[in-house]
Amino acid sequence: PTQIRLGGPNGPLASRIHLVLEDAPDGFSLEGVKTGPDGFVATVRLDPKKVKPGTAGNLILSASTEQQVTPPKGGPAKTRRISLGYVPAIPFAVVAGS
């Protein structure tokens, strides 16, 4: 797996932000995201059967948060996902391993 460090908020706000890998090339997956004192660390895994050396492009991550919304006439609260936008494109190039 490859780790990508991303700047961002820290503290309680950071733990409420969700990152998702959007329209990833075949064979790329977001394994997990951890928060740290300086932002986030996203772990990306490549499937060696699908991703070959020389593959290049950009990875796009979207950010969102969730908010509890109570209907105006009462009733149970519902969770609503709110888009925070996109992280700037992350360029990548796959090279042959040793």
N, C-alpha and C. Protein backbone atom coordinates (compact mmCIF):
# COMPACT_ATOMS: atom_id res chain seq x y z
N PRO A 1 0.83 -1.20 0.00
CA PRO A 1 0.00 0.00 0.00
C PRO A 1 0.87 1.27 0.00
N THR A 2 0.30 2.33 -0.49
CA THR A 2 0.96 3.62 -0.54
C THR A 2 0.20 4.59 0.36
N GLN A 3 0.95 5.39 1.12
CA GLN A 3 0.32 6.38 1.98
C GLN A 3 0.47 7.77 1.39
N ILE A 4 -0.63 8.52 1.43
CA ILE A 4 -0.65 9.89 0.93
C ILE A 4 -0.99 10.80 2.10
N ARG A 5 -0.11 11.75 2.39
CA ARG A 5 -0.37 12.70 3.48
C ARG A 5 -1.07 13.93 2.92
N LEU A 6 -2.14 14.32 3.60
CA LEU A 6 -2.95 15.46 3.18
C LEU A 6 -3.12 16.43 4.34
N GLY A 7 -2.87 17.70 4.10
CA GLY A 7 -3.12 18.70 5.12
C GLY A 7 -4.61 18.83 5.36
N GLY A 8 -4.96 19.28 6.55
CA GLY A 8 -6.38 19.45 6.86
C GLY A 8 -6.55 19.83 8.31
N PRO A 9 -7.78 19.96 8.74
CA PRO A 9 -8.03 20.33 10.13
C PRO A 9 -7.64 19.22 11.08
N ASN A 10 -7.40 19.59 12.31
CA ASN A 10 -7.15 18.56 13.33
C ASN A 10 -8.20 18.73 14.43
N GLY A 11 -8.16 17.87 15.40
CA GLY A 11 -9.13 17.93 16.48
C GLY A 11 -10.44 17.26 16.11
N PRO A 12 -11.51 17.62 16.80
CA PRO A 12 -12.80 16.94 16.60
C PRO A 12 -13.35 17.08 15.19
N LEU A 13 -13.09 18.21 14.53
CA LEU A 13 -13.60 18.41 13.18
C LEU A 13 -13.04 17.37 12.21
N ALA A 14 -11.76 17.06 12.33
CA ALA A 14 -11.12 16.11 11.41
C ALA A 14 -11.77 14.74 11.48
N SER A 15 -12.18 14.33 12.65
CA SER A 15 -12.77 12.99 12.80
C SER A 15 -14.15 12.91 12.15
N ARG A 16 -14.76 14.05 11.81
CA ARG A 16 -16.09 14.06 11.19
C ARG A 16 -16.02 14.13 9.66
N ILE A 17 -14.82 14.22 9.11
CA ILE A 17 -14.66 14.31 7.66
C ILE A 17 -14.40 12.93 7.08
N HIS A 18 -15.13 12.61 6.01
CA HIS A 18 -14.97 11.34 5.31
C HIS A 18 -14.35 11.62 3.94
N LEU A 19 -13.35 10.84 3.56
CA LEU A 19 -12.73 10.95 2.25
C LEU A 19 -13.06 9.71 1.43
N VAL A 20 -13.38 9.92 0.14
CA VAL A 20 -13.74 8.82 -0.76
C VAL A 20 -12.93 8.98 -2.05
N LEU A 21 -12.37 7.88 -2.54
CA LEU A 21 -11.65 7.87 -3.81
C LEU A 21 -12.69 7.83 -4.94
N GLU A 22 -12.70 8.87 -5.77
CA GLU A 22 -13.71 9.01 -6.84
C GLU A 22 -13.15 8.56 -8.18
N ASP A 23 -13.93 7.82 -8.94
CA ASP A 23 -13.58 7.42 -10.30
C ASP A 23 -12.14 6.94 -10.43
N ALA A 24 -11.73 6.10 -9.51
CA ALA A 24 -10.35 5.61 -9.50
C ALA A 24 -10.10 4.69 -10.69
N PRO A 25 -8.88 4.69 -11.20
CA PRO A 25 -8.54 3.73 -12.25
C PRO A 25 -8.75 2.30 -11.73
N ASP A 26 -9.05 1.40 -12.62
CA ASP A 26 -9.27 0.00 -12.26
C ASP A 26 -8.03 -0.52 -11.52
N GLY A 27 -8.25 -1.16 -10.37
CA GLY A 27 -7.16 -1.73 -9.60
C GLY A 27 -6.70 -0.85 -8.45
N PHE A 28 -7.22 0.37 -8.31
CA PHE A 28 -6.89 1.27 -7.21
C PHE A 28 -8.03 1.25 -6.19
N SER A 29 -7.70 1.21 -4.90
CA SER A 29 -8.74 1.28 -3.88
C SER A 29 -8.21 2.05 -2.68
N LEU A 30 -9.11 2.74 -2.00
CA LEU A 30 -8.77 3.46 -0.78
C LEU A 30 -8.96 2.49 0.38
N GLU A 31 -7.85 2.11 0.99
CA GLU A 31 -7.88 1.10 2.04
C GLU A 31 -8.33 1.71 3.37
N GLY A 32 -7.99 2.97 3.60
CA GLY A 32 -8.37 3.60 4.85
C GLY A 32 -7.84 5.02 4.94
N VAL A 33 -8.39 5.76 5.87
CA VAL A 33 -7.97 7.14 6.13
C VAL A 33 -7.86 7.31 7.63
N LYS A 34 -6.73 7.84 8.07
CA LYS A 34 -6.52 8.12 9.50
C LYS A 34 -6.29 9.62 9.66
N THR A 35 -6.72 10.14 10.80
CA THR A 35 -6.46 11.53 11.10
C THR A 35 -5.20 11.63 11.95
N GLY A 36 -4.49 12.73 11.79
CA GLY A 36 -3.28 12.97 12.56
C GLY A 36 -3.20 14.42 12.96
N PRO A 37 -2.12 14.82 13.59
CA PRO A 37 -2.00 16.20 14.06
C PRO A 37 -1.92 17.22 12.92
N ASP A 38 -1.52 16.80 11.74
CA ASP A 38 -1.37 17.74 10.62
C ASP A 38 -2.40 17.52 9.51
N GLY A 39 -3.37 16.66 9.71
CA GLY A 39 -4.36 16.40 8.67
C GLY A 39 -4.70 14.93 8.58
N PHE A 40 -4.58 14.38 7.36
CA PHE A 40 -5.00 13.01 7.10
C PHE A 40 -3.89 12.20 6.44
N VAL A 41 -3.95 10.89 6.63
CA VAL A 41 -3.10 9.96 5.90
C VAL A 41 -4.03 8.96 5.23
N ALA A 42 -4.06 8.99 3.90
CA ALA A 42 -4.90 8.08 3.12
C ALA A 42 -4.03 6.93 2.62
N THR A 43 -4.49 5.71 2.79
CA THR A 43 -3.75 4.54 2.33
C THR A 43 -4.43 3.99 1.08
N VAL A 44 -3.67 3.96 -0.02
CA VAL A 44 -4.17 3.49 -1.30
C VAL A 44 -3.51 2.16 -1.63
N ARG A 45 -4.30 1.20 -2.03
CA ARG A 45 -3.79 -0.13 -2.40
C ARG A 45 -3.98 -0.32 -3.90
N LEU A 46 -2.97 -0.94 -4.53
CA LEU A 46 -3.02 -1.26 -5.95
C LEU A 46 -3.09 -2.76 -6.12
N ASP A 47 -3.91 -3.21 -7.05
CA ASP A 47 -3.99 -4.62 -7.39
C ASP A 47 -2.98 -4.87 -8.50
N PRO A 48 -1.88 -5.60 -8.22
CA PRO A 48 -0.83 -5.79 -9.22
C PRO A 48 -1.29 -6.55 -10.46
N LYS A 49 -2.42 -7.24 -10.37
CA LYS A 49 -2.96 -7.94 -11.55
C LYS A 49 -3.63 -6.97 -12.51
N LYS A 50 -4.06 -5.82 -11.99
CA LYS A 50 -4.79 -4.85 -12.82
C LYS A 50 -3.98 -3.59 -13.13
N VAL A 51 -3.02 -3.26 -12.27
CA VAL A 51 -2.25 -2.02 -12.44
C VAL A 51 -0.83 -2.39 -12.87
N LYS A 52 -0.41 -1.89 -14.00
CA LYS A 52 0.90 -2.21 -14.55
C LYS A 52 1.84 -1.01 -14.47
N PRO A 53 3.16 -1.25 -14.40
CA PRO A 53 4.12 -0.14 -14.43
C PRO A 53 3.88 0.73 -15.66
N GLY A 54 4.03 2.02 -15.46
CA GLY A 54 3.79 2.97 -16.54
C GLY A 54 2.42 3.63 -16.47
N THR A 55 1.52 3.04 -15.67
CA THR A 55 0.21 3.65 -15.49
C THR A 55 0.40 4.99 -14.78
N ALA A 56 -0.24 6.03 -15.28
CA ALA A 56 -0.12 7.36 -14.68
C ALA A 56 -1.45 8.09 -14.79
N GLY A 57 -1.63 9.07 -13.94
CA GLY A 57 -2.87 9.85 -13.96
C GLY A 57 -3.00 10.67 -12.71
N ASN A 58 -4.24 10.92 -12.31
CA ASN A 58 -4.54 11.68 -11.10
C ASN A 58 -5.55 10.93 -10.26
N LEU A 59 -5.37 10.96 -8.95
CA LEU A 59 -6.36 10.41 -8.03
C LEU A 59 -7.19 11.58 -7.51
N ILE A 60 -8.48 11.37 -7.41
CA ILE A 60 -9.40 12.41 -6.94
C ILE A 60 -10.08 11.90 -5.67
N LEU A 61 -9.99 12.69 -4.61
CA LEU A 61 -10.65 12.37 -3.35
C LEU A 61 -11.73 13.40 -3.09
N SER A 62 -12.92 12.95 -2.72
CA SER A 62 -13.97 13.87 -2.31
C SER A 62 -14.06 13.85 -0.79
N ALA A 63 -14.44 14.99 -0.23
CA ALA A 63 -14.58 15.12 1.22
C ALA A 63 -16.04 15.41 1.55
N SER A 64 -16.52 14.80 2.62
CA SER A 64 -17.89 15.05 3.06
C SER A 64 -17.96 14.90 4.58
N THR A 65 -19.07 15.33 5.12
CA THR A 65 -19.33 15.15 6.54
C THR A 65 -20.79 14.74 6.68
N GLU A 66 -21.19 14.36 7.86
CA GLU A 66 -22.58 13.97 8.10
C GLU A 66 -23.18 14.87 9.16
N GLN A 67 -24.47 15.13 9.01
CA GLN A 67 -25.18 15.99 9.95
C GLN A 67 -26.51 15.34 10.29
N GLN A 68 -26.89 15.40 11.57
CA GLN A 68 -28.19 14.89 12.00
C GLN A 68 -29.23 15.98 11.74
N VAL A 69 -30.29 15.64 11.03
CA VAL A 69 -31.35 16.59 10.69
C VAL A 69 -32.66 16.08 11.27
N THR A 70 -33.34 16.94 12.01
CA THR A 70 -34.65 16.60 12.57
C THR A 70 -35.72 17.18 11.66
N PRO A 71 -36.67 16.37 11.21
CA PRO A 71 -37.75 16.88 10.36
C PRO A 71 -38.51 18.01 11.05
N PRO A 72 -38.98 19.01 10.30
CA PRO A 72 -39.68 20.15 10.90
C PRO A 72 -40.91 19.76 11.72
N LYS A 73 -41.58 18.67 11.34
CA LYS A 73 -42.79 18.25 12.06
C LYS A 73 -42.48 17.20 13.12
N GLY A 74 -41.22 17.06 13.47
CA GLY A 74 -40.85 16.08 14.47
C GLY A 74 -40.52 14.74 13.85
N GLY A 75 -40.38 13.76 14.67
CA GLY A 75 -40.04 12.44 14.19
C GLY A 75 -38.55 12.17 14.40
N PRO A 76 -38.11 10.99 14.01
CA PRO A 76 -36.71 10.63 14.24
C PRO A 76 -35.76 11.45 13.36
N ALA A 77 -34.62 11.76 13.91
CA ALA A 77 -33.59 12.48 13.16
C ALA A 77 -33.04 11.58 12.06
N LYS A 78 -32.64 12.21 10.97
CA LYS A 78 -32.04 11.48 9.85
C LYS A 78 -30.64 11.99 9.63
N THR A 79 -29.77 11.12 9.15
CA THR A 79 -28.40 11.51 8.85
C THR A 79 -28.33 11.97 7.40
N ARG A 80 -27.73 13.15 7.21
CA ARG A 80 -27.58 13.70 5.87
C ARG A 80 -26.11 13.91 5.58
N ARG A 81 -25.65 13.44 4.43
CA ARG A 81 -24.26 13.62 4.02
C ARG A 81 -24.14 14.95 3.29
N ILE A 82 -23.13 15.74 3.67
CA ILE A 82 -22.91 17.06 3.09
C ILE A 82 -21.55 17.08 2.42
N SER A 83 -21.54 17.42 1.14
CA SER A 83 -20.29 17.48 0.39
C SER A 83 -19.47 18.69 0.83
N LEU A 84 -18.18 18.48 1.03
CA LEU A 84 -17.26 19.57 1.36
C LEU A 84 -16.38 19.92 0.16
N GLY A 85 -16.55 19.18 -0.94
CA GLY A 85 -15.77 19.45 -2.14
C GLY A 85 -14.73 18.37 -2.39
N TYR A 86 -13.70 18.75 -3.15
CA TYR A 86 -12.68 17.79 -3.56
C TYR A 86 -11.30 18.24 -3.11
N VAL A 87 -10.46 17.26 -2.82
CA VAL A 87 -9.04 17.51 -2.56
C VAL A 87 -8.42 17.77 -3.94
N PRO A 88 -7.45 18.69 -4.04
CA PRO A 88 -6.80 18.87 -5.35
C PRO A 88 -6.28 17.54 -5.89
N ALA A 89 -6.30 17.40 -7.22
CA ALA A 89 -5.88 16.16 -7.87
C ALA A 89 -4.49 15.73 -7.39
N ILE A 90 -4.33 14.45 -7.17
CA ILE A 90 -3.06 13.89 -6.69
C ILE A 90 -2.45 13.11 -7.85
N PRO A 91 -1.39 13.65 -8.48
CA PRO A 91 -0.77 12.94 -9.60
C PRO A 91 -0.06 11.67 -9.13
N PHE A 92 -0.07 10.64 -9.97
CA PHE A 92 0.64 9.40 -9.63
C PHE A 92 1.24 8.80 -10.89
N ALA A 93 2.26 8.00 -10.68
CA ALA A 93 2.87 7.20 -11.74
C ALA A 93 3.32 5.90 -11.09
N VAL A 94 2.94 4.78 -11.69
CA VAL A 94 3.30 3.47 -11.16
C VAL A 94 4.62 3.05 -11.78
N VAL A 95 5.57 2.69 -10.91
CA VAL A 95 6.87 2.22 -11.37
C VAL A 95 7.06 0.78 -10.96
N ALA A 96 7.94 0.08 -11.65
CA ALA A 96 8.19 -1.32 -11.35
C ALA A 96 8.85 -1.45 -9.99
N GLY A 97 8.42 -2.43 -9.19
CA GLY A 97 9.00 -2.68 -7.88
C GLY A 97 10.26 -3.50 -8.01
N SER A 98 11.00 -3.59 -6.92
CA SER A 98 12.24 -4.36 -6.95
C SER A 98 12.02 -5.78 -6.47
